[in-house]
Protein backbone atom coordinates (compact mmCIF):
# COMPACT_ATOMS: atom_id res chain seq x y z
CA UNK A 1 -1.18 -30.34 -18.53
CA UNK A 2 -1.66 -27.77 -21.22
CA UNK A 3 1.73 -26.41 -22.40
CA UNK A 4 -0.02 -23.88 -24.63
CA UNK A 5 -1.74 -22.33 -21.63
CA UNK A 6 1.50 -21.93 -19.72
CA UNK A 7 3.24 -20.46 -22.77
CA UNK A 8 0.40 -17.96 -23.13
CA UNK A 9 0.73 -16.98 -19.49
CA UNK A 10 4.47 -16.46 -19.88
CA UNK A 11 4.00 -14.36 -22.99
CA UNK A 12 1.54 -12.09 -21.21
CA UNK A 13 3.96 -11.21 -18.42
CA UNK A 14 5.31 -7.68 -18.90
CA UNK A 15 9.04 -8.35 -19.12
CA UNK A 16 9.89 -4.66 -18.64
CA UNK A 17 8.66 -4.71 -15.05
CA UNK A 18 11.22 -5.45 -12.36
CA UNK A 19 9.25 -8.34 -10.89
CA UNK A 20 8.90 -10.12 -14.26
CA UNK A 21 11.55 -12.77 -13.62
CA UNK A 22 10.01 -13.65 -10.28
CA UNK A 23 6.59 -14.10 -11.92
CA UNK A 24 8.06 -16.22 -14.70
CA UNK A 25 9.85 -18.36 -12.12
CA UNK A 26 6.53 -19.09 -10.38
CA UNK A 27 4.87 -20.04 -13.64
CA UNK A 28 7.76 -22.33 -14.58
CA UNK A 29 7.91 -23.84 -11.10
CA UNK A 30 4.23 -24.67 -10.98
CA UNK A 31 4.30 -26.05 -14.51
CA UNK A 32 7.17 -28.36 -13.48
CA UNK A 33 5.13 -29.65 -10.56
CA UNK A 34 2.25 -30.47 -12.89
CA UNK A 35 4.57 -32.09 -15.40
CA UNK A 36 6.12 -34.27 -12.71
CA UNK A 37 2.69 -35.75 -11.99
CA UNK A 38 2.33 -36.70 -15.64
CA UNK A 39 5.82 -38.20 -15.55
CA UNK A 40 5.09 -40.42 -12.58
CA UNK A 41 1.81 -41.48 -14.16
CA UNK A 42 3.73 -42.57 -17.25
CA UNK A 43 6.26 -44.45 -15.15
CA UNK A 44 3.61 -46.30 -13.15
CA UNK A 45 1.63 -47.08 -16.29
CA UNK A 46 4.55 -49.12 -17.54
CA UNK A 47 4.78 -51.07 -14.28
CA UNK A 48 2.98 -54.32 -15.09
CA UNK A 49 3.01 -55.36 -11.44
CA UNK A 50 0.48 -52.69 -10.55
CA UNK A 51 -3.27 -52.65 -11.09
CA UNK A 52 -5.08 -49.49 -12.18
CA UNK A 53 -6.03 -48.95 -8.55
CA UNK A 54 -2.39 -49.37 -7.52
CA UNK A 55 -1.27 -46.82 -10.09
CA UNK A 56 -3.86 -44.29 -8.94
CA UNK A 57 -2.89 -44.91 -5.33
CA UNK A 58 0.78 -44.43 -6.14
CA UNK A 59 0.12 -41.08 -7.77
CA UNK A 60 -2.18 -40.00 -4.95
CA UNK A 61 0.40 -40.82 -2.27
CA UNK A 62 3.07 -38.85 -4.14
CA UNK A 63 0.74 -35.88 -4.41
CA UNK A 64 -0.19 -35.94 -0.73
CA UNK A 65 3.31 -36.60 0.60
CA UNK A 66 5.37 -34.35 -1.72
CA UNK A 67 3.64 -32.39 -4.46
CA UNK A 68 1.12 -30.48 -2.37
CA UNK A 69 3.93 -29.18 -0.18
CA UNK A 70 5.94 -28.26 -3.27
CA UNK A 71 3.02 -26.28 -4.68
CA UNK A 72 2.49 -24.48 -1.37
CA UNK A 73 6.11 -23.35 -1.47
CA UNK A 74 6.13 -22.50 -5.17
CA UNK A 75 2.98 -20.37 -4.88
CA UNK A 76 4.17 -18.40 -1.84
CA UNK A 77 5.42 -15.42 -3.92
CA UNK A 78 1.97 -15.07 -5.48
CA UNK A 79 0.19 -14.88 -2.14
CA UNK A 80 2.72 -12.44 -0.74
CA UNK A 81 2.79 -10.16 -3.78
CA UNK A 82 -0.98 -9.93 -4.14
CA UNK A 83 -1.51 -9.39 -0.41
CA UNK A 84 1.14 -6.65 -0.39
CA UNK A 85 -0.42 -4.98 -3.44
CA UNK A 86 -3.87 -4.98 -1.81
CA UNK A 87 -2.43 -3.55 1.40
CA UNK A 88 -0.52 -0.83 -0.46
CA UNK A 89 -3.56 0.21 -2.48
CA UNK A 90 -5.77 0.38 0.58
CA UNK A 91 -3.18 2.50 2.38
CA UNK A 92 -3.00 4.95 -0.52
CA UNK A 93 -6.76 5.10 -1.08
CA UNK A 94 -7.43 5.55 2.63
CA UNK A 95 -4.52 7.86 3.36
CA UNK A 96 -4.84 10.14 6.34
CA UNK A 97 -6.51 13.47 5.61
CA UNK A 98 -5.22 16.23 7.85
CA UNK A 99 -7.93 17.89 9.89
CA UNK A 100 -7.95 21.69 9.84
CA UNK A 101 -7.34 23.94 12.83
CA UNK A 102 -10.20 25.65 14.64
CA UNK A 103 -10.57 28.44 12.08
CA UNK A 104 -10.26 25.97 9.21
CA UNK A 105 -12.88 23.73 10.79
CA UNK A 106 -15.36 26.61 10.92
CA UNK A 107 -14.79 27.20 7.21
CA UNK A 108 -15.13 23.47 6.55
CA UNK A 109 -18.48 23.42 8.36
CA UNK A 110 -19.68 26.35 6.24
CA UNK A 111 -18.54 24.50 3.11
CA UNK A 112 -20.42 21.36 4.10
CA UNK A 113 -23.55 23.34 4.93
CA UNK A 114 -23.42 24.98 1.51
CA UNK A 115 -22.88 21.63 -0.18
CA UNK A 116 -25.93 20.15 1.50
CA UNK A 117 -28.03 23.06 0.21
CA UNK A 118 -27.24 22.27 -3.43
CA UNK A 119 -29.12 19.91 -5.76
CA UNK A 120 -27.31 16.53 -6.02
CA UNK A 121 -25.74 17.15 -9.45
CA UNK A 122 -24.33 20.54 -8.44
CA UNK A 123 -23.25 19.13 -5.08
CA UNK A 124 -21.22 16.44 -6.82
CA UNK A 125 -19.55 18.92 -9.19
CA UNK A 126 -18.55 21.25 -6.37
CA UNK A 127 -17.35 18.37 -4.18
CA UNK A 128 -15.04 17.27 -7.00
CA UNK A 129 -13.68 20.80 -7.33
CA UNK A 130 -13.13 21.07 -3.59
CA UNK A 131 -11.18 17.83 -3.50
CA UNK A 132 -8.52 19.37 -5.74
CA UNK A 133 -7.15 21.25 -2.70
CA UNK A 134 -5.99 20.02 0.72
CA UNK A 135 -8.48 22.31 2.48
CA UNK A 136 -11.37 21.14 0.35
CA UNK A 137 -10.39 17.51 0.77
CA UNK A 138 -10.34 17.93 4.55
CA UNK A 139 -13.81 19.49 4.49
CA UNK A 140 -15.36 16.88 2.19
CA UNK A 141 -13.44 13.67 2.82
CA UNK A 142 -12.31 14.04 6.42
CA UNK A 143 -15.78 13.51 7.87
CA UNK A 144 -18.62 11.01 7.33
CA UNK A 145 -20.34 11.42 3.96
CA UNK A 146 -23.71 12.52 5.35
CA UNK A 147 -22.15 15.67 6.84
CA UNK A 148 -21.55 16.97 3.32
CA UNK A 149 -24.70 15.51 1.85
CA UNK A 150 -22.63 13.00 -0.12
CA UNK A 151 -24.23 9.85 1.26
CA UNK A 152 -26.31 7.77 -1.13
CA UNK A 153 -29.61 8.80 0.45
CA UNK A 154 -28.88 12.52 0.11
CA UNK A 155 -27.51 12.05 -3.41
CA UNK A 156 -30.60 10.02 -4.31
CA UNK A 157 -28.35 7.40 -5.91
CA UNK A 158 -28.39 3.97 -4.23
CA UNK A 159 -25.01 2.22 -4.00
CA UNK A 160 -23.27 5.18 -5.65
CA UNK A 161 -20.67 5.75 -2.94
CA UNK A 162 -19.67 9.25 -4.05
CA UNK A 163 -17.32 9.92 -1.16
CA UNK A 164 -15.41 6.70 -1.83
CA UNK A 165 -15.18 7.64 -5.51
CA UNK A 166 -13.77 11.03 -4.55
CA UNK A 167 -11.20 9.38 -2.30
CA UNK A 168 -10.09 7.16 -5.19
CA UNK A 169 -9.86 10.13 -7.55
CA UNK A 170 -7.84 12.08 -4.98
CA UNK A 171 -5.48 9.16 -4.47
CA UNK A 172 -5.05 8.75 -8.23
CA UNK A 173 -4.13 12.42 -8.51
CA UNK A 174 -1.61 12.28 -5.67
CA UNK A 175 -0.30 8.71 -6.05
CA UNK A 176 -1.07 7.94 -9.67
CA UNK A 177 2.35 6.53 -10.54
CA UNK A 178 2.50 4.30 -7.48
CA UNK A 179 -1.03 3.00 -8.09
CA UNK A 180 -0.03 2.14 -11.66
CA UNK A 181 2.95 0.20 -10.32
CA UNK A 182 0.69 -1.69 -7.92
CA UNK A 183 -1.72 -2.48 -10.76
CA UNK A 184 1.22 -3.85 -12.76
CA UNK A 185 2.23 -6.12 -9.88
CA UNK A 186 -1.31 -7.44 -9.62
CA UNK A 187 -1.67 -7.90 -13.36
CA UNK A 188 1.45 -10.04 -13.66
CA UNK A 189 1.09 -12.01 -10.44
CA UNK A 190 -2.51 -12.81 -11.38
CA UNK A 191 -1.05 -14.60 -14.40
CA UNK A 192 1.08 -16.65 -12.04
CA UNK A 193 -2.01 -17.19 -9.88
CA UNK A 194 -3.75 -18.72 -12.90
CA UNK A 195 -0.83 -21.13 -13.36
CA UNK A 196 -1.03 -22.09 -9.70
CA UNK A 197 -4.80 -22.64 -9.97
CA UNK A 198 -4.36 -25.02 -12.91
CA UNK A 199 -1.77 -27.15 -11.15
CA UNK A 200 -3.65 -26.97 -7.86
CA UNK A 201 -6.68 -28.47 -9.57
CA UNK A 202 -4.54 -31.20 -11.14
CA UNK A 203 -3.15 -32.11 -7.73
CA UNK A 204 -6.66 -32.18 -6.30
CA UNK A 205 -7.87 -34.54 -9.02
CA UNK A 206 -4.86 -36.82 -8.54
CA UNK A 207 -4.98 -36.80 -4.73
CA UNK A 208 -8.08 -38.93 -4.30
CA UNK A 209 -9.29 -36.44 -1.68
CA UNK A 210 -12.60 -34.61 -1.60
CA UNK A 211 -12.44 -30.92 -2.44
CA UNK A 212 -12.90 -29.96 1.20
CA UNK A 213 -10.34 -32.53 2.28
CA UNK A 214 -7.84 -31.25 -0.25
CA UNK A 215 -8.30 -27.62 0.81
CA UNK A 216 -8.01 -28.55 4.47
CA UNK A 217 -4.76 -30.37 3.74
CA UNK A 218 -3.36 -27.47 1.68
CA UNK A 219 -4.15 -24.76 4.24
CA UNK A 220 -1.48 -25.68 6.82
CA UNK A 221 1.06 -26.34 4.08
CA UNK A 222 0.53 -22.85 2.69
CA UNK A 223 0.58 -21.35 6.18
CA UNK A 224 3.91 -23.07 6.86
CA UNK A 225 5.31 -21.88 3.52
CA UNK A 226 4.23 -18.30 4.29
CA UNK A 227 5.59 -18.26 7.84
């Protein structure tokens, strides 16, 4: 165990955020699990009736029978928080764009035709301007990218993904505060995730299992904790 690492993780949690105490509780809980392994090692080391193999076996059995389940339960808030944050961000970035009525659709088609006629740099500038309004967003973002000439081939920029960039920019304009909150959740829970990863690796090393065997044993424990 590295107490300095865990102290650093705690210090980096933003205590002004409402989830801070929950994050700190995860870090402390996982640290305690790691510390308990060191404690049992110390206890068994002083048992003169045991061989080195017996001591290792004793630690391994404790890890497999108790500590892995404890870690699965202690790390549950991390999995839930990060999964929720990902889901929330995707919902905001891929929010429904209202399609226009028949007259609006005719105008949207004219807009897309005009966009396709422009050189790529001008097309991108106009597309950004259009996305500042609901009507423009519907015309540009409510249909596949190639219909506006915003696909990578038409833009002559491989892996550029202009339409996806415009969706992100639109979401940041509309939902900027909420996206910042989500980023804060991820930032802090990723600190807790680091703490979990450290202790998870310590349990693996103490378990006597192969990496695949350890992961296969942890999977149902985490699934049960998350149920």
